[in-house]
PDB file of N, CA and C in Angstrom:
ATOM      1  N   MET A   1       4.295   2.950 -13.628  1.00  0.00           N
ATOM      2  CA  MET A   1       4.862   3.069 -12.215  1.00  0.00           C
ATOM      3  C   MET A   1       4.820   2.082 -11.492  1.00  0.00           C
ATOM      4  N   THR A   2       5.950   1.634 -11.250  1.00  0.00           N
ATOM      5  CA  THR A   2       6.066   0.240 -10.070  1.00  0.00           C
ATOM      6  C   THR A   2       5.383   0.300  -9.297  1.00  0.00           C
ATOM      7  N   ASN A   3       5.277  -0.551  -8.188  1.00  0.00           N
ATOM      8  CA  ASN A   3       4.831  -0.480  -6.931  1.00  0.00           C
ATOM      9  C   ASN A   3       6.059   0.063  -6.033  1.00  0.00           C
ATOM     10  N   ASP A   4       7.197  -0.173  -6.278  1.00  0.00           N
ATOM     11  CA  ASP A   4       8.078   0.488  -5.444  1.00  0.00           C
ATOM     12  C   ASP A   4       7.927   1.942  -5.760  1.00  0.00           C
ATOM     13  N   GLU A   5       7.452   2.553  -6.986  1.00  0.00           N
ATOM     14  CA  GLU A   5       7.492   4.226  -7.368  1.00  0.00           C
ATOM     15  C   GLU A   5       6.215   4.417  -6.441  1.00  0.00           C
ATOM     16  N   SER A   6       5.424   3.877  -6.620  1.00  0.00           N
ATOM     17  CA  SER A   6       4.001   4.481  -5.849  1.00  0.00           C
ATOM     18  C   SER A   6       4.095   4.542  -4.521  1.00  0.00           C
ATOM     19  N   TRP A   7       4.871   3.675  -3.794  1.00  0.00           N
ATOM     20  CA  TRP A   7       4.949   4.103  -2.463  1.00  0.00           C
ATOM     21  C   TRP A   7       5.976   5.188  -2.157  1.00  0.00           C
ATOM     22  N   ALA A   8       6.719   5.158  -3.084  1.00  0.00           N
ATOM     23  CA  ALA A   8       7.541   6.294  -2.856  1.00  0.00           C
ATOM     24  C   ALA A   8       6.805   7.830  -2.833  1.00  0.00           C
ATOM     25  N   LEU A   9       5.871   7.736  -3.413  1.00  0.00           N
ATOM     26  CA  LEU A   9       4.926   8.963  -4.017  1.00  0.00           C
ATOM     27  C   LEU A   9       4.287   9.249  -2.111  1.00  0.00           C
ATOM     28  N   TRP A  10       4.099   8.208  -1.273  1.00  0.00           N
ATOM     29  CA  TRP A  10       3.382   8.550  -0.035  1.00  0.00           C
ATOM     30  C   TRP A  10       4.277   8.411   0.757  1.00  0.00           C
ATOM     31  N   GLU A  11       5.580   8.399   0.767  1.00  0.00           N
ATOM     32  CA  GLU A  11       6.662   8.400   1.867  1.00  0.00           C
ATOM     33  C   GLU A  11       6.136   7.240   2.808  1.00  0.00           C
ATOM     34  N   VAL A  12       6.021   6.146   2.648  1.00  0.00           N
ATOM     35  CA  VAL A  12       5.874   5.374   3.880  1.00  0.00           C
ATOM     36  C   VAL A  12       7.125   4.532   4.441  1.00  0.00           C
ATOM     37  N   PRO A  13       7.291   4.730   5.482  1.00  0.00           N
ATOM     38  CA  PRO A  13       8.608   4.220   6.041  1.00  0.00           C
ATOM     39  C   PRO A  13       8.725   2.728   5.753  1.00  0.00           C
ATOM     40  N   ALA A  14       9.844   2.319   5.268  1.00  0.00           N
ATOM     41  CA  ALA A  14       9.945   0.722   5.159  1.00  0.00           C
ATOM     42  C   ALA A  14       9.724  -0.253   6.051  1.00  0.00           C
ATOM     43  N   ASP A  15       9.604  -0.177   7.375  1.00  0.00           N
ATOM     44  CA  ASP A  15       9.181  -0.854   8.198  1.00  0.00           C
ATOM     45  C   ASP A  15       7.781  -1.172   8.440  1.00  0.00           C
ATOM     46  N   LEU A  16       6.929  -0.035   7.980  1.00  0.00           N
ATOM     47  CA  LEU A  16       5.621   0.026   8.049  1.00  0.00           C
ATOM     48  C   LEU A  16       5.046  -0.740   6.475  1.00  0.00           C
ATOM     49  N   ARG A  17       5.745  -0.257   5.296  1.00  0.00           N
ATOM     50  CA  ARG A  17       5.500  -0.697   4.294  1.00  0.00           C
ATOM     51  C   ARG A  17       5.458  -2.360   4.417  1.00  0.00           C
ATOM     52  N   ARG A  18       6.510  -3.030   4.994  1.00  0.00           N
ATOM     53  CA  ARG A  18       6.670  -4.278   5.188  1.00  0.00           C
ATOM     54  C   ARG A  18       5.838  -5.051   5.445  1.00  0.00           C
ATOM     55  N   LYS A  19       5.158  -4.498   6.499  1.00  0.00           N
ATOM     56  CA  LYS A  19       4.080  -4.981   7.507  1.00  0.00           C
ATOM     57  C   LYS A  19       2.739  -4.910   6.850  1.00  0.00           C
ATOM     58  N   MET A  20       2.492  -3.729   6.239  1.00  0.00           N
ATOM     59  CA  MET A  20       1.324  -3.409   5.530  1.00  0.00           C
ATOM     60  C   MET A  20       1.200  -4.489   4.110  1.00  0.00           C
ATOM     61  N   LEU A  21       2.332  -4.747   3.823  1.00  0.00           N
ATOM     62  CA  LEU A  21       2.336  -5.633   2.403  1.00  0.00           C
ATOM     63  C   LEU A  21       2.158  -7.415   3.061  1.00  0.00           C
ATOM     64  N   ALA A  22       2.696  -7.471   4.058  1.00  0.00           N
ATOM     65  CA  ALA A  22       2.746  -8.871   4.969  1.00  0.00           C
ATOM     66  C   ALA A  22       1.182  -9.280   5.192  1.00  0.00           C
ATOM     67  N   VAL A  23       0.407  -8.050   5.573  1.00  0.00           N
ATOM     68  CA  VAL A  23      -0.908  -8.166   6.384  1.00  0.00           C
ATOM     69  C   VAL A  23      -1.871  -8.283   4.790  1.00  0.00           C
ATOM     70  N   ALA A  24      -1.540  -7.724   3.625  1.00  0.00           N
ATOM     71  CA  ALA A  24      -2.470  -7.746   2.770  1.00  0.00           C
ATOM     72  C   ALA A  24      -2.066  -9.221   2.023  1.00  0.00           C
ATOM     73  N   ARG A  25      -1.128  -9.743   1.850  1.00  0.00           N
ATOM     74  CA  ARG A  25      -0.626 -10.895   1.455  1.00  0.00           C
ATOM     75  C   ARG A  25      -1.579 -12.010   2.017  1.00  0.00           C
ATOM     76  N   SER A  26      -1.608 -11.829   3.110  1.00  0.00           N
ATOM     77  CA  SER A  26      -2.046 -13.093   3.754  1.00  0.00           C
ATOM     78  C   SER A  26      -3.694 -12.736   4.154  1.00  0.00           C
ATOM     79  N   PHE A  27      -4.381 -11.582   4.022  1.00  0.00           N
ATOM     80  CA  PHE A  27      -5.832 -11.543   3.347  1.00  0.00           C
ATOM     81  C   PHE A  27      -6.045 -12.112   1.968  1.00  0.00           C
ATOM     82  N   ARG A  28      -5.241 -11.440   1.377  1.00  0.00           N
ATOM     83  CA  ARG A  28      -5.492 -11.835  -0.010  1.00  0.00           C
ATOM     84  C   ARG A  28      -5.710 -13.750  -0.224  1.00  0.00           C
ATOM     85  N   LYS A  29      -4.498 -14.506   0.516  1.00  0.00           N
ATOM     86  CA  LYS A  29      -4.381 -15.564   0.328  1.00  0.00           C
ATOM     87  C   LYS A  29      -5.565 -16.531   1.107  1.00  0.00           C
ATOM     88  N   GLU A  30      -6.254 -15.985   2.049  1.00  0.00           N
ATOM     89  CA  GLU A  30      -7.240 -16.683   3.089  1.00  0.00           C
ATOM     90  C   GLU A  30      -8.176 -15.449   3.267  1.00  0.00           C
ATOM     91  N   PRO A  31      -9.227 -15.409   2.149  1.00  0.00           N
ATOM     92  CA  PRO A  31     -10.137 -14.207   2.278  1.00  0.00           C
ATOM     93  C   PRO A  31     -11.292 -15.160   2.816  1.00  0.00           C
ATOM     94  N   THR A  32     -12.205 -14.478   3.483  1.00  0.00           N
ATOM     95  CA  THR A  32     -13.519 -14.923   4.397  1.00  0.00           C
ATOM     96  C   THR A  32     -14.593 -15.049   3.226  1.00  0.00           C
ATOM     97  N   PRO A  33     -15.584 -15.840   3.442  1.00  0.00           N
ATOM     98  CA  PRO A  33     -16.393 -16.023   2.449  1.00  0.00           C
ATOM     99  C   PRO A  33     -17.082 -14.431   1.890  1.00  0.00           C
ATOM    100  N   SER A  34     -17.386 -13.451   2.791  1.00  0.00           N
ATOM    101  CA  SER A  34     -18.000 -12.186   2.572  1.00  0.00           C
ATOM    102  C   SER A  34     -16.714 -11.584   1.595  1.00  0.00           C
ATOM    103  N   GLU A  35     -15.552 -11.569   1.913  1.00  0.00           N
ATOM    104  CA  GLU A  35     -14.544 -10.714   1.334  1.00  0.00           C
ATOM    105  C   GLU A  35     -14.623 -11.410  -0.407  1.00  0.00           C
ATOM    106  N   SER A  36     -14.434 -12.563  -0.216  1.00  0.00           N
ATOM    107  CA  SER A  36     -14.247 -13.155  -1.396  1.00  0.00           C
ATOM    108  C   SER A  36     -15.742 -12.768  -2.562  1.00  0.00           C
ATOM    109  N   ILE A  37     -16.729 -12.679  -1.971  1.00  0.00           N
ATOM    110  CA  ILE A  37     -18.073 -12.371  -2.771  1.00  0.00           C
ATOM    111  C   ILE A  37     -18.048 -10.703  -3.018  1.00  0.00           C
ATOM    112  N   LEU A  38     -17.342 -10.243  -2.201  1.00  0.00           N
ATOM    113  CA  LEU A  38     -17.314  -8.186  -2.150  1.00  0.00           C
ATOM    114  C   LEU A  38     -16.364  -8.383  -3.213  1.00  0.00           C
ATOM    115  N   TRP A  39     -15.080  -9.050  -3.595  1.00  0.00           N
ATOM    116  CA  TRP A  39     -14.194  -8.497  -4.016  1.00  0.00           C
ATOM    117  C   TRP A  39     -14.531  -9.027  -5.676  1.00  0.00           C
ATOM    118  N   LYS A  40     -15.371 -10.157  -5.824  1.00  0.00           N
ATOM    119  CA  LYS A  40     -15.522 -10.704  -7.219  1.00  0.00           C
ATOM    120  C   LYS A  40     -16.453  -9.410  -7.970  1.00  0.00           C
ATOM    121  N   ALA A  41     -17.217  -8.626  -6.883  1.00  0.00           N
ATOM    122  CA  ALA A  41     -17.882  -7.802  -7.303  1.00  0.00           C
ATOM    123  C   ALA A  41     -17.377  -6.460  -7.465  1.00  0.00           C
ATOM    124  N   LEU A  42     -16.318  -5.925  -7.093  1.00  0.00           N
ATOM    125  CA  LEU A  42     -15.739  -5.064  -7.105  1.00  0.00           C
ATOM    126  C   LEU A  42     -14.296  -4.950  -8.270  1.00  0.00           C
ATOM    127  N   ARG A  43     -13.894  -6.214  -8.666  1.00  0.00           N
ATOM    128  CA  ARG A  43     -12.752  -6.423  -9.371  1.00  0.00           C
ATOM    129  C   ARG A  43     -13.090  -5.614 -10.741  1.00  0.00           C
ATOM    130  N   ARG A  44     -11.528  -5.243 -11.197  1.00  0.00           N
ATOM    131  CA  ARG A  44     -11.734  -4.786 -12.709  1.00  0.00           C
ATOM    132  C   ARG A  44     -12.662  -3.565 -12.993  1.00  0.00           C
ATOM    133  N   LYS A  45     -12.798  -3.100 -11.652  1.00  0.00           N
ATOM    134  CA  LYS A  45     -13.345  -1.671 -11.874  1.00  0.00           C
ATOM    135  C   LYS A  45     -14.619  -1.982 -12.243  1.00  0.00           C
ATOM    136  N   ALA A  46     -15.489  -2.754 -11.658  1.00  0.00           N
ATOM    137  CA  ALA A  46     -17.158  -3.323 -12.129  1.00  0.00           C
ATOM    138  C   ALA A  46     -18.115  -2.350 -11.457  1.00  0.00           C
ATOM    139  N   LEU A  47     -17.413  -1.700 -10.124  1.00  0.00           N
ATOM    140  CA  LEU A  47     -18.690  -0.748  -9.618  1.00  0.00           C
ATOM    141  C   LEU A  47     -18.057   0.573 -10.399  1.00  0.00           C
ATOM    142  N   ASP A  48     -18.802   1.083 -11.214  1.00  0.00           N
ATOM    143  CA  ASP A  48     -19.066   2.458 -11.739  1.00  0.00           C
ATOM    144  C   ASP A  48     -17.505   2.907 -12.086  1.00  0.00           C
ATOM    145  N   GLY A  49     -16.660   1.938 -12.686  1.00  0.00           N
ATOM    146  CA  GLY A  49     -15.660   2.435 -13.240  1.00  0.00           C
ATOM    147  C   GLY A  49     -14.338   2.684 -12.386  1.00  0.00           C
ATOM    148  N   ILE A  50     -14.858   2.568 -10.852  1.00  0.00           N
ATOM    149  CA  ILE A  50     -13.755   3.112 -10.004  1.00  0.00           C
ATOM    150  C   ILE A  50     -12.746   1.703  -9.762  1.00  0.00           C
ATOM    151  N   LYS A  51     -11.496   1.978  -9.117  1.00  0.00           N
ATOM    152  CA  LYS A  51     -10.469   1.040  -8.915  1.00  0.00           C
ATOM    153  C   LYS A  51     -10.608   0.989  -7.093  1.00  0.00           C
ATOM    154  N   PHE A  52     -10.550  -0.062  -6.563  1.00  0.00           N
ATOM    155  CA  PHE A  52     -10.926  -0.477  -5.237  1.00  0.00           C
ATOM    156  C   PHE A  52      -9.491  -1.093  -4.871  1.00  0.00           C
ATOM    157  N   ARG A  53      -9.212  -0.869  -3.596  1.00  0.00           N
ATOM    158  CA  ARG A  53      -8.039  -1.692  -3.268  1.00  0.00           C
ATOM    159  C   ARG A  53      -8.056  -2.307  -1.756  1.00  0.00           C
ATOM    160  N   ARG A  54      -8.080  -3.359  -1.311  1.00  0.00           N
ATOM    161  CA  ARG A  54      -7.955  -3.989  -0.276  1.00  0.00           C
ATOM    162  C   ARG A  54      -7.224  -3.169   1.095  1.00  0.00           C
ATOM    163  N   GLN A  55      -8.041  -3.437   1.872  1.00  0.00           N
ATOM    164  CA  GLN A  55      -7.118  -2.877   3.147  1.00  0.00           C
ATOM    165  C   GLN A  55      -5.660  -3.634   3.241  1.00  0.00           C
ATOM    166  N   GLN A  56      -4.790  -2.648   3.594  1.00  0.00           N
ATOM    167  CA  GLN A  56      -3.586  -3.221   3.682  1.00  0.00           C
ATOM    168  C   GLN A  56      -2.673  -3.240   5.031  1.00  0.00           C
ATOM    169  N   GLN A  57      -3.890  -2.654   6.067  1.00  0.00           N
ATOM    170  CA  GLN A  57      -3.346  -2.375   7.280  1.00  0.00           C
ATOM    171  C   GLN A  57      -4.198  -2.960   8.406  1.00  0.00           C
ATOM    172  N   ALA A  58      -3.950  -3.174   9.549  1.00  0.00           N
ATOM    173  CA  ALA A  58      -4.919  -3.436  10.629  1.00  0.00           C
ATOM    174  C   ALA A  58      -5.003  -2.441  11.718  1.00  0.00           C
ATOM    175  N   ASP A  59      -4.387  -1.498  11.782  1.00  0.00           N
ATOM    176  CA  ASP A  59      -4.128  -0.802  12.851  1.00  0.00           C
ATOM    177  C   ASP A  59      -4.762   0.675  12.538  1.00  0.00           C
ATOM    178  N   HIS A  60      -5.634   1.210  13.387  1.00  0.00           N
ATOM    179  CA  HIS A  60      -6.446   2.304  13.357  1.00  0.00           C
ATOM    180  C   HIS A  60      -5.329   3.832  13.100  1.00  0.00           C
ATOM    181  N   VAL A  61      -4.094   3.859  13.637  1.00  0.00           N
ATOM    182  CA  VAL A  61      -3.481   4.759  13.386  1.00  0.00           C
ATOM    183  C   VAL A  61      -2.806   4.670  11.664  1.00  0.00           C
ATOM    184  N   GLN A  62      -2.559   3.503  11.568  1.00  0.00           N
ATOM    185  CA  GLN A  62      -2.096   3.526   9.736  1.00  0.00           C
ATOM    186  C   GLN A  62      -3.192   4.042   8.968  1.00  0.00           C
ATOM    187  N   GLN A  63      -4.441   3.511   9.383  1.00  0.00           N
ATOM    188  CA  GLN A  63      -5.266   3.828   8.576  1.00  0.00           C
ATOM    189  C   GLN A  63      -5.727   5.509   8.582  1.00  0.00           C
ATOM    190  N   GLU A  64      -5.634   6.113   9.542  1.00  0.00           N
ATOM    191  CA  GLU A  64      -5.711   7.660   9.641  1.00  0.00           C
ATOM    192  C   GLU A  64      -4.392   8.169   8.533  1.00  0.00           C
ATOM    193  N   LEU A  65      -3.408   7.613   8.799  1.00  0.00           N
ATOM    194  CA  LEU A  65      -2.275   7.983   7.880  1.00  0.00           C
ATOM    195  C   LEU A  65      -2.672   7.890   6.491  1.00  0.00           C
ATOM    196  N   LEU A  66      -3.144   6.744   6.198  1.00  0.00           N
ATOM    197  CA  LEU A  66      -3.687   6.543   4.837  1.00  0.00           C
ATOM    198  C   LEU A  66      -5.012   7.659   4.399  1.00  0.00           C
ATOM    199  N   GLU A  67      -5.690   8.131   5.244  1.00  0.00           N
ATOM    200  CA  GLU A  67      -6.812   8.611   4.827  1.00  0.00           C
ATOM    201  C   GLU A  67      -6.395  10.049   4.878  1.00  0.00           C
ATOM    202  N   GLU A  68      -5.399  10.333   5.645  1.00  0.00           N
ATOM    203  CA  GLU A  68      -4.632  11.467   5.412  1.00  0.00           C
ATOM    204  C   GLU A  68      -4.174  12.187   3.577  1.00  0.00           C
ATOM    205  N   LEU A  69      -3.967  10.967   3.517  1.00  0.00           N
ATOM    206  CA  LEU A  69      -3.234  10.691   1.996  1.00  0.00           C
ATOM    207  C   LEU A  69      -4.794  10.405   0.834  1.00  0.00           C
ATOM    208  N   GLY A  70      -5.528  10.852   1.454  1.00  0.00           N
ATOM    209  CA  GLY A  70      -6.695  11.337   0.389  1.00  0.00           C
ATOM    210  C   GLY A  70      -7.364   9.925   0.377  1.00  0.00           C
ATOM    211  N   LEU A  71      -7.159   8.678   1.120  1.00  0.00           N
ATOM    212  CA  LEU A  71      -7.877   7.291   0.769  1.00  0.00           C
ATOM    213  C   LEU A  71      -8.876   7.481   1.534  1.00  0.00           C
ATOM    214  N   ARG A  72     -10.125   6.470   1.102  1.00  0.00           N
ATOM    215  CA  ARG A  72     -11.390   6.342   1.963  1.00  0.00           C
ATOM    216  C   ARG A  72     -11.350   5.043   2.152  1.00  0.00           C
ATOM    217  N   PHE A  73     -11.807   4.653   3.628  1.00  0.00           N
ATOM    218  CA  PHE A  73     -12.224   3.379   4.068  1.00  0.00           C
ATOM    219  C   PHE A  73     -13.911   3.093   4.096  1.00  0.00           C
ATOM    220  N   VAL A  74     -14.451   2.268   3.661  1.00  0.00           N
ATOM    221  CA  VAL A  74     -15.502   1.879   4.029  1.00  0.00           C
ATOM    222  C   VAL A  74     -15.821   0.657   4.508  1.00  0.00           C
ATOM    223  N   ARG A  75     -16.127   0.565   5.659  1.00  0.00           N
ATOM    224  CA  ARG A  75     -16.438  -0.895   6.584  1.00  0.00           C
ATOM    225  C   ARG A  75     -17.850  -1.379   6.396  1.00  0.00           C
ATOM    226  N   LEU A  76     -17.559  -2.843   5.866  1.00  0.00           N
ATOM    227  CA  LEU A  76     -18.992  -3.453   5.771  1.00  0.00           C
ATOM    228  C   LEU A  76     -18.872  -4.706   6.821  1.00  0.00           C
ATOM    229  N   SER A  77     -20.312  -4.926   7.038  1.00  0.00           N
ATOM    230  CA  SER A  77     -20.315  -6.304   7.653  1.00  0.00           C
ATOM    231  C   SER A  77     -20.200  -7.428   6.984  1.00  0.00           C
ATOM    232  N   ALA A  78     -20.007  -8.768   7.355  1.00  0.00           N
ATOM    233  CA  ALA A  78     -19.905  -9.837   6.695  1.00  0.00           C
ATOM    234  C   ALA A  78     -21.507 -10.335   5.909  1.00  0.00           C
ATOM    235  N   GLU A  79     -22.168  -9.812   7.190  1.00  0.00           N
ATOM    236  CA  GLU A  79     -23.680 -10.290   7.111  1.00  0.00           C
ATOM    237  C   GLU A  79     -23.987  -9.444   5.911  1.00  0.00           C
ATOM    238  N   LEU A  80     -23.992  -7.942   5.898  1.00  0.00           N
ATOM    239  CA  LEU A  80     -24.563  -7.496   4.563  1.00  0.00           C
ATOM    240  C   LEU A  80     -24.307  -7.911   3.234  1.00  0.00           C
ATOM    241  N   VAL A  81     -22.499  -7.913   3.349  1.00  0.00           N
ATOM    242  CA  VAL A  81     -22.292  -8.710   2.156  1.00  0.00           C
ATOM    243  C   VAL A  81     -22.947  -9.763   1.492  1.00  0.00           C
ATOM    244  N   GLU A  82     -23.028 -11.058   2.445  1.00  0.00           N
ATOM    245  CA  GLU A  82     -23.184 -12.320   2.282  1.00  0.00           C
ATOM    246  C   GLU A  82     -24.873 -12.263   1.750  1.00  0.00           C
ATOM    247  N   ASN A  83     -25.740 -11.259   2.696  1.00  0.00           N
ATOM    248  CA  ASN A  83     -27.227 -11.338   2.706  1.00  0.00           C
ATOM    249  C   ASN A  83     -27.494 -10.446   1.401  1.00  0.00           C
ATOM    250  N   ASP A  84     -26.860  -9.241   1.282  1.00  0.00           N
ATOM    251  CA  ASP A  84     -27.488  -7.910   0.743  1.00  0.00           C
ATOM    252  C   ASP A  84     -26.160  -7.413   0.008  1.00  0.00           C
ATOM    253  N   LEU A  85     -25.592  -8.198  -1.173  1.00  0.00           N
ATOM    254  CA  LEU A  85     -24.495  -7.408  -1.856  1.00  0.00           C
ATOM    255  C   LEU A  85     -24.923  -6.477  -2.710  1.00  0.00           C
ATOM    256  N   ASP A  86     -25.963  -6.360  -3.145  1.00  0.00           N
ATOM    257  CA  ASP A  86     -26.788  -5.055  -3.776  1.00  0.00           C
ATOM    258  C   ASP A  86     -26.584  -3.887  -3.039  1.00  0.00           C
ATOM    259  N   GLY A  87     -27.040  -4.200  -1.453  1.00  0.00           N
ATOM    260  CA  GLY A  87     -26.934  -3.143  -0.582  1.00  0.00           C
ATOM    261  C   GLY A  87     -25.565  -2.480  -0.110  1.00  0.00           C
ATOM    262  N   ALA A  88     -24.653  -3.602   0.002  1.00  0.00           N
ATOM    263  CA  ALA A  88     -23.237  -3.221   0.116  1.00  0.00           C
ATOM    264  C   ALA A  88     -22.734  -2.410  -0.731  1.00  0.00           C
ATOM    265  N   LEU A  89     -22.923  -2.830  -2.334  1.00  0.00           N
ATOM    266  CA  LEU A  89     -22.393  -1.905  -2.973  1.00  0.00           C
ATOM    267  C   LEU A  89     -23.133  -0.766  -3.616  1.00  0.00           C
ATOM    268  N   GLU A  90     -23.910  -0.363  -2.801  1.00  0.00           N
ATOM    269  CA  GLU A  90     -25.035   0.950  -2.641  1.00  0.00           C
ATOM    270  C   GLU A  90     -24.104   1.585  -1.815  1.00  0.00           C
ATOM    271  N   LYS A  91     -23.876   1.155  -0.758  1.00  0.00           N
ATOM    272  CA  LYS A  91     -23.079   1.753   0.550  1.00  0.00           C
ATOM    273  C   LYS A  91     -21.897   2.436   0.013  1.00  0.00           C
ATOM    274  N   ILE A  92     -20.855   1.344  -0.474  1.00  0.00           N
ATOM    275  CA  ILE A  92     -19.808   1.805  -1.277  1.00  0.00           C
ATOM    276  C   ILE A  92     -19.932   3.194  -2.480  1.00  0.00           C
ATOM    277  N   ARG A  93     -20.892   2.880  -3.172  1.00  0.00           N
ATOM    278  CA  ARG A  93     -20.968   3.852  -4.352  1.00  0.00           C
ATOM    279  C   ARG A  93     -21.316   5.102  -3.760  1.00  0.00           C
ATOM    280  N   ARG A  94     -21.984   5.035  -2.299  1.00  0.00           N
ATOM    281  CA  ARG A  94     -22.448   6.572  -1.677  1.00  0.00           C
ATOM    282  C   ARG A  94     -21.289   6.957  -1.080  1.00  0.00           C
ATOM    283  N   ALA A  95     -20.251   6.231  -0.615  1.00  0.00           N
ATOM    284  CA  ALA A  95     -19.241   6.672  -0.107  1.00  0.00           C
ATOM    285  C   ALA A  95     -17.980   7.140  -0.787  1.00  0.00           C
ATOM    286  N   VAL A  96     -18.458   6.851  -2.103  1.00  0.00           N
ATOM    287  CA  VAL A  96     -17.528   7.413  -3.153  1.00  0.00           C
ATOM    288  C   VAL A  96     -17.740   8.448  -4.110  1.00  0.00           C
ATOM    289  N   THR A  97     -19.119   8.670  -4.023  1.00  0.00           N
ATOM    290  CA  THR A  97     -19.590   9.733  -4.851  1.00  0.00           C
ATOM    291  C   THR A  97     -19.314  11.328  -3.922  1.00  0.00           C
ATOM    292  N   PRO A  98     -18.950  12.195  -4.880  1.00  0.00           N
ATOM    293  CA  PRO A  98     -18.644  13.256  -4.236  1.00  0.00           C
ATOM    294  C   PRO A  98     -19.930  14.146  -3.842  1.00  0.00           C
ATOM    295  N   LEU A  99     -19.775  14.628  -2.682  1.00  0.00           N
ATOM    296  CA  LEU A  99     -20.802  15.745  -2.093  1.00  0.00           C
ATOM    297  C   LEU A  99     -20.969  16.668  -2.864  1.00  0.00           C
ATOM    298  N   SER A 100     -22.177  17.360  -3.019  1.00  0.00           N
ATOM    299  CA  SER A 100     -22.425  18.442  -3.423  1.00  0.00           C
ATOM    300  C   SER A 100     -22.118  19.601  -2.356  1.00  0.00           C
ATOM    301  N   PRO A 101     -21.363  20.648  -3.000  1.00  0.00           N
ATOM    302  CA  PRO A 101     -20.881  21.762  -2.202  1.00  0.00           C
ATOM    303  C   PRO A 101     -22.439  22.663  -1.561  1.00  0.00           C
ATOM    304  N   ASP A 102     -23.247  22.531  -2.057  1.00  0.00           N
ATOM    305  CA  ASP A 102     -24.603  23.174  -1.917  1.00  0.00           C
ATOM    306  C   ASP A 102     -25.453  21.991  -1.450  1.00  0.00           C
ATOM    307  N   PRO A 103     -25.567  22.072  -0.400  1.00  0.00           N
ATOM    308  CA  PRO A 103     -26.551  21.111   0.326  1.00  0.00           C
ATOM    309  C   PRO A 103     -28.027  20.927   0.015  1.00  0.00           C
ATOM    310  N   PHE A 104     -28.547  21.789  -1.000  1.00  0.00           N
ATOM    311  CA  PHE A 104     -29.882  21.663  -1.903  1.00  0.00           C
ATOM    312  C   PHE A 104     -30.001  21.090  -3.202  1.00  0.00           C
ATOM    313  N   LEU A 105     -28.698  20.920  -3.592  1.00  0.00           N
ATOM    314  CA  LEU A 105     -28.284  20.201  -4.992  1.00  0.00           C
ATOM    315  C   LEU A 105     -28.032  19.160  -4.803  1.00  0.00           C
ATOM    316  N   PRO A 106     -28.601  18.037  -5.578  1.00  0.00           N
ATOM    317  CA  PRO A 106     -28.032  16.800  -5.414  1.00  0.00           C
ATOM    318  C   PRO A 106     -26.747  16.512  -5.829  1.00  0.00           C
ATOM    319  N   PRO A 107     -26.200  15.666  -5.188  1.00  0.00           N
ATOM    320  CA  PRO A 107     -24.764  14.947  -5.490  1.00  0.00           C
ATOM    321  C   PRO A 107     -24.419  15.110  -7.044  1.00  0.00           C
ATOM    322  N   GLY A 108     -23.504  15.607  -7.266  1.00  0.00           N
ATOM    323  CA  GLY A 108     -22.909  15.730  -8.726  1.00  0.00           C
ATOM    324  C   GLY A 108     -23.457  16.858  -9.398  1.00  0.00           C
ATOM    325  N   GLU A 109     -24.452  17.405  -9.282  1.00  0.00           N
ATOM    326  CA  GLU A 109     -25.085  18.656  -9.812  1.00  0.00           C
ATOM    327  C   GLU A 109     -24.210  19.841  -9.459  1.00  0.00           C
ATOM    328  N   LYS A 110     -23.976  20.926 -10.556  1.00  0.00           N
ATOM    329  CA  LYS A 110     -23.389  21.902 -10.391  1.00  0.00           C
ATOM    330  C   LYS A 110     -24.219  23.283 -10.359  1.00  0.00           C
ATOM    331  N   GLU A 111     -23.298  24.084  -9.349  1.00  0.00           N
ATOM    332  CA  GLU A 111     -24.547  25.211  -9.465  1.00  0.00           C
ATOM    333  C   GLU A 111     -24.087  26.292 -10.645  1.00  0.00           C
ATOM    334  N   GLU A 112     -25.461  27.057 -11.140  1.00  0.00           N
ATOM    335  CA  GLU A 112     -25.342  27.953 -12.405  1.00  0.00           C
ATOM    336  C   GLU A 112     -24.389  29.242 -12.201  1.00  0.00           C
TER     337      GLU A 112
END
């Protein structure tokens, strides 16, 4: 599947898509120190085999649209990433771990 095909599945308007790509390119070209640290730890499915994507928009409304499509966002402070990378990765891990439907069962454990 090409990038063009994956965008088509999301039905993202062309003007919004262009804006999202421009913002994403600028973030990749000039990452902050904390972004560099975090993405070195996340690239190539290094955290539990999960694929992560960089934020591709700066607007709250656009984030809500992407969340409606099933994407999750985890916000981390630069301080946390720079001073406690393990803690930052654990916060991400908790955010992507499915919740148990029964609040008394540990996450990932199924009812009999």
